[in-house]
Amino acid sequence: MVKKIFTVICAVLMLAYLVFSVIYLKFFHTSEDAVCQRVEVEIENTPGQSHILEKDIISRMKAAKVFPAGKNMKEINASEIEEALANNKLIKKAECFKTAGGYMKVRVYPRIPVLRVFAQDGSYYVDSDGNIMPVSSNFAAYVPVACGNINSEYAKNQLYGFASWLQKNKFWDSQIAQIYVTGNRDVILTPVVGDHRIILGKIEDYKENLDKLQTFYKKGLSKIGWNKYSTINLKYKNQVVCTLMSER
């Protein structure tokens, strides 16, 4: 009886081993002599951002002659693919690796815009790392627009910090539509709600001045209405100076 049970157990274990071997060879083991059958592109977009499309990634790989489909797995150089994709200024980083079953996985991390700039030296975005990012025909990002007396250095250094802060601040991210920089580098903001303009002053004082304005919004405009004033001036320390709509 014991011998019979032992024989059955051995037979079950042998069958399980054979099944595992077949599954492993088919799905989990990739021979270096195997041909890459498929390329899987994964784009790590954030909500509302879709300026890189799968077809763009495939076209880029083909143009650089690094598209892996149809090649032997041993001939595929993942680093070359990553480098070819990273040369695209809309892409922050790319990762490429061989997967089970003879596929190639390409994961792309796009640059994320925080500011749209119309400047003296061109039109572009500033991304979440403070770098210049070209405009894409695939999409328009819902970020504040900056114009006026701006060049790329001012956009990357002064305006980048302000735009990043706006994006992380739930209240102000939904309030500011446009940033205008005057000839003497004062900043004027156009809000989403209301017909007034906000004279912020120098960009370096934005936190203090916007805190002051938020208090004024809560205690003042919420009671008297959003369209009473044409300008709200925050340049003066500890003061909010308003111009009536009829005085403009």
Protein backbone atom coordinates (compact mmCIF):
# COMPACT_ATOMS: atom_id res chain seq x y z
CA MET A 1 0.00 0.00 0.00
CA VAL A 2 2.80 2.37 0.97
CA LYS A 3 4.69 1.49 -2.19
CA LYS A 4 1.61 2.19 -4.31
CA ILE A 5 1.11 5.60 -2.68
CA PHE A 6 4.77 6.43 -3.20
CA THR A 7 4.51 5.47 -6.87
CA VAL A 8 1.46 7.69 -7.31
CA ILE A 9 3.21 10.63 -5.62
CA CYS A 10 6.25 10.21 -7.84
CA ALA A 11 4.04 10.10 -10.93
CA VAL A 12 2.21 13.27 -9.90
CA LEU A 13 5.48 15.07 -9.19
CA MET A 14 6.90 13.98 -12.54
CA LEU A 15 3.79 15.19 -14.37
CA ALA A 16 3.91 18.50 -12.51
CA TYR A 17 7.58 18.90 -13.45
CA LEU A 18 6.85 18.23 -17.12
CA VAL A 19 3.97 20.72 -17.15
CA PHE A 20 6.14 23.34 -15.41
CA SER A 21 8.96 22.76 -17.89
CA VAL A 22 6.68 23.24 -20.89
CA ILE A 23 5.16 26.42 -19.42
CA TYR A 24 8.57 27.81 -18.46
CA LEU A 25 10.07 27.16 -21.89
CA LYS A 26 7.09 28.67 -23.64
CA PHE A 27 6.41 31.71 -21.49
CA PHE A 28 9.33 32.43 -19.16
CA HIS A 29 12.48 31.38 -20.95
CA THR A 30 13.81 33.48 -23.76
CA SER A 31 16.45 31.93 -25.97
CA GLU A 32 19.04 34.34 -27.28
CA ASP A 33 18.48 32.73 -30.68
CA ALA A 34 14.77 33.52 -30.55
CA VAL A 35 13.37 36.30 -32.69
CA CYS A 36 11.69 39.26 -31.01
CA GLN A 37 8.02 38.80 -31.87
CA ARG A 38 6.55 41.93 -30.34
CA VAL A 39 7.43 45.32 -28.89
CA GLU A 40 5.32 46.52 -25.97
CA VAL A 41 5.39 50.29 -25.46
CA GLU A 42 4.35 51.67 -22.09
CA ILE A 43 4.11 55.44 -21.62
CA GLU A 44 4.09 56.78 -18.07
CA ASN A 45 1.81 59.76 -18.67
CA THR A 46 0.34 61.78 -15.87
CA PRO A 47 -3.39 62.58 -16.00
CA GLY A 48 -4.15 65.08 -18.75
CA GLN A 49 -0.73 64.74 -20.39
CA SER A 50 -0.46 62.78 -23.64
CA HIS A 51 2.14 64.56 -25.77
CA ILE A 52 4.02 61.32 -26.50
CA LEU A 53 2.13 58.62 -28.38
CA GLU A 54 3.01 54.97 -28.99
CA LYS A 55 3.32 55.61 -32.74
CA ASP A 56 5.88 58.36 -32.00
CA ILE A 57 8.01 55.93 -29.96
CA ILE A 58 7.90 53.29 -32.69
CA SER A 59 8.73 55.85 -35.40
CA ARG A 60 11.65 57.12 -33.35
CA MET A 61 13.09 53.61 -32.93
CA LYS A 62 12.69 52.85 -36.62
CA ALA A 63 14.31 56.13 -37.64
CA ALA A 64 17.27 55.37 -35.37
CA LYS A 65 17.40 51.79 -36.75
CA VAL A 66 16.98 50.26 -33.30
CA PHE A 67 13.44 48.87 -33.63
CA PRO A 68 13.79 45.38 -32.12
CA ALA A 69 10.89 43.45 -33.72
CA GLY A 70 12.16 40.75 -36.07
CA LYS A 71 15.70 40.76 -34.67
CA ASN A 72 17.36 37.96 -32.71
CA MET A 73 17.18 38.67 -28.99
CA LYS A 74 20.96 38.43 -28.69
CA GLU A 75 21.38 41.18 -31.29
CA ILE A 76 19.17 43.66 -29.46
CA ASN A 77 21.00 46.32 -27.47
CA ALA A 78 18.62 47.77 -24.89
CA SER A 79 21.00 50.65 -24.09
CA GLU A 80 21.02 51.79 -27.71
CA ILE A 81 17.22 51.91 -27.74
CA GLU A 82 17.14 53.89 -24.49
CA GLU A 83 19.71 56.37 -25.81
CA ALA A 84 17.86 56.84 -29.11
CA LEU A 85 14.61 57.61 -27.31
CA ALA A 86 16.21 59.85 -24.67
CA ASN A 87 17.55 62.08 -27.47
CA ASN A 88 13.95 63.19 -28.06
CA LYS A 89 13.48 66.42 -26.08
CA LEU A 90 9.91 65.43 -25.16
CA ILE A 91 11.22 62.36 -23.31
CA LYS A 92 12.79 62.50 -19.85
CA LYS A 93 13.89 58.88 -19.62
CA ALA A 94 13.41 55.54 -21.38
CA GLU A 95 13.84 51.97 -20.12
CA CYS A 96 14.07 48.93 -22.39
CA PHE A 97 14.32 45.28 -21.36
CA LYS A 98 13.68 41.77 -22.65
CA THR A 99 10.62 40.03 -21.25
CA ALA A 100 9.47 36.44 -20.93
CA GLY A 101 8.28 34.89 -24.14
CA GLY A 102 10.61 36.79 -26.48
CA TYR A 103 9.11 40.28 -26.25
CA MET A 104 10.73 43.65 -25.75
CA LYS A 105 9.28 46.10 -23.27
CA VAL A 106 9.89 49.82 -23.82
CA ARG A 107 8.86 52.12 -20.97
CA VAL A 108 8.95 55.86 -21.61
CA TYR A 109 8.77 58.72 -19.09
CA PRO A 110 7.75 61.96 -20.85
CA ARG A 111 8.77 65.41 -19.69
CA ILE A 112 5.97 67.15 -17.81
CA PRO A 113 5.32 70.83 -18.69
CA VAL A 114 4.59 73.34 -15.92
CA LEU A 115 4.60 76.55 -17.98
CA ARG A 116 3.88 77.60 -21.58
CA VAL A 117 6.14 80.44 -22.67
CA PHE A 118 5.85 82.95 -25.49
CA ALA A 119 9.20 84.70 -25.23
CA GLN A 120 11.59 86.95 -27.09
CA ASP A 121 13.63 83.89 -28.06
CA GLY A 122 10.81 81.58 -29.10
CA SER A 123 7.80 79.59 -28.00
CA TYR A 124 8.24 76.56 -25.74
CA TYR A 125 7.36 74.87 -22.48
CA VAL A 126 9.36 74.74 -19.26
CA ASP A 127 9.18 71.24 -17.78
CA SER A 128 9.02 70.00 -14.19
CA ASP A 129 12.84 69.87 -14.01
CA GLY A 130 13.29 73.46 -15.17
CA ASN A 131 14.40 72.55 -18.69
CA ILE A 132 13.20 73.95 -22.00
CA MET A 133 10.79 71.57 -23.70
CA PRO A 134 9.62 71.98 -27.31
CA VAL A 135 5.98 72.45 -28.24
CA SER A 136 4.26 69.30 -29.54
CA SER A 137 1.58 69.23 -32.23
CA ASN A 138 -0.03 66.30 -30.39
CA PHE A 139 -1.35 68.27 -27.46
CA ALA A 140 -1.67 71.56 -25.59
CA ALA A 141 -0.91 71.38 -21.88
CA TYR A 142 -3.28 73.01 -19.41
CA VAL A 143 -0.63 75.12 -17.68
CA PRO A 144 -0.24 78.88 -17.12
CA VAL A 145 0.87 80.93 -20.11
CA ALA A 146 3.78 83.38 -19.68
CA CYS A 147 4.57 86.23 -22.05
CA GLY A 148 6.11 89.71 -22.10
CA ASN A 149 9.70 90.62 -21.26
CA ILE A 150 10.95 87.02 -21.02
CA ASN A 151 13.87 85.03 -22.34
CA SER A 152 14.76 81.38 -21.75
CA GLU A 153 17.11 82.10 -18.82
CA TYR A 154 14.45 84.09 -16.98
CA ALA A 155 11.87 81.41 -17.79
CA LYS A 156 14.07 78.56 -16.52
CA ASN A 157 15.27 80.32 -13.39
CA GLN A 158 12.69 82.81 -12.09
CA LEU A 159 9.43 81.67 -13.68
CA TYR A 160 10.10 77.94 -13.30
CA GLY A 161 10.08 78.09 -9.51
CA PHE A 162 6.88 80.12 -9.51
CA ALA A 163 5.12 77.81 -12.00
CA SER A 164 6.19 74.70 -10.06
CA TRP A 165 4.83 76.21 -6.85
CA LEU A 166 1.54 77.04 -8.58
CA GLN A 167 1.19 73.47 -9.86
CA LYS A 168 1.65 72.05 -6.37
CA ASN A 169 -0.74 74.53 -4.75
CA LYS A 170 -4.30 73.30 -5.20
CA PHE A 171 -5.89 76.74 -4.83
CA TRP A 172 -3.56 78.78 -7.05
CA ASP A 173 -3.15 76.05 -9.66
CA SER A 174 -6.80 76.52 -10.57
CA GLN A 175 -6.70 80.34 -10.33
CA ILE A 176 -3.86 81.62 -12.52
CA ALA A 177 -4.30 81.60 -16.31
CA GLN A 178 -1.59 84.01 -17.52
CA ILE A 179 1.67 85.52 -16.32
CA TYR A 180 2.80 88.76 -17.94
CA VAL A 181 6.27 90.20 -17.29
CA THR A 182 6.67 93.95 -17.81
CA GLY A 183 9.75 95.82 -19.02
CA ASN A 184 10.99 96.36 -15.45
CA ARG A 185 10.27 92.70 -14.59
CA ASP A 186 7.15 93.31 -12.55
CA VAL A 187 4.74 90.40 -12.86
CA ILE A 188 1.05 90.84 -13.66
CA LEU A 189 -1.28 87.86 -13.29
CA THR A 190 -4.56 87.19 -15.05
CA PRO A 191 -6.84 85.00 -12.92
CA VAL A 192 -9.35 82.46 -14.19
CA VAL A 193 -12.17 83.97 -12.10
CA GLY A 194 -12.95 87.69 -12.21
CA ASP A 195 -12.15 90.55 -14.58
CA HIS A 196 -9.36 92.05 -12.49
CA ARG A 197 -5.60 91.96 -13.01
CA ILE A 198 -3.22 91.09 -10.17
CA ILE A 199 -0.06 93.21 -9.94
CA LEU A 200 2.20 90.77 -8.14
CA GLY A 201 5.39 92.85 -8.20
CA LYS A 202 8.77 91.14 -8.37
CA ILE A 203 8.62 87.39 -8.87
CA GLU A 204 10.81 86.77 -5.80
CA ASP A 205 7.98 87.96 -3.52
CA TYR A 206 5.28 85.69 -4.92
CA LYS A 207 4.66 83.53 -1.82
CA GLU A 208 4.20 86.44 0.58
CA ASN A 209 2.09 88.41 -1.88
CA LEU A 210 -0.18 85.53 -2.87
CA ASP A 211 -0.77 84.62 0.77
CA LYS A 212 -1.84 88.24 1.26
CA LEU A 213 -4.12 88.03 -1.76
CA GLN A 214 -5.69 84.76 -0.68
CA THR A 215 -6.63 86.35 2.65
CA PHE A 216 -8.13 89.30 0.77
CA TYR A 217 -10.12 86.94 -1.46
CA LYS A 218 -11.61 85.19 1.55
CA LYS A 219 -12.37 88.26 3.63
CA GLY A 220 -13.00 90.84 0.90
CA LEU A 221 -13.96 89.70 -2.57
CA SER A 222 -16.11 86.84 -1.33
CA LYS A 223 -18.38 89.48 0.23
CA ILE A 224 -18.31 92.37 -2.27
CA GLY A 225 -17.99 90.37 -5.50
CA TRP A 226 -15.26 89.35 -7.95
CA ASN A 227 -15.91 92.04 -10.55
CA LYS A 228 -15.77 95.17 -8.41
CA TYR A 229 -12.08 95.96 -9.03
CA SER A 230 -10.08 96.27 -12.22
CA THR A 231 -6.65 95.83 -10.55
CA ILE A 232 -5.41 94.41 -7.27
CA ASN A 233 -1.92 95.64 -6.45
CA LEU A 234 0.21 93.54 -4.09
CA LYS A 235 3.52 95.40 -4.54
CA TYR A 236 3.30 97.32 -1.27
CA LYS A 237 4.29 95.61 1.94
CA ASN A 238 1.36 94.57 4.14
CA GLN A 239 -1.09 96.28 1.80
CA VAL A 240 -3.58 95.35 -0.90
CA VAL A 241 -4.32 98.38 -3.10
CA CYS A 242 -7.37 98.07 -5.35
CA THR A 243 -8.66 100.12 -8.27
CA LEU A 244 -12.41 100.24 -8.80
CA MET A 245 -13.67 98.98 -12.14
CA SER A 246 -15.08 102.44 -13.03
CA GLU A 247 -11.69 104.06 -12.35
CA ARG A 248 -9.81 102.03 -14.96
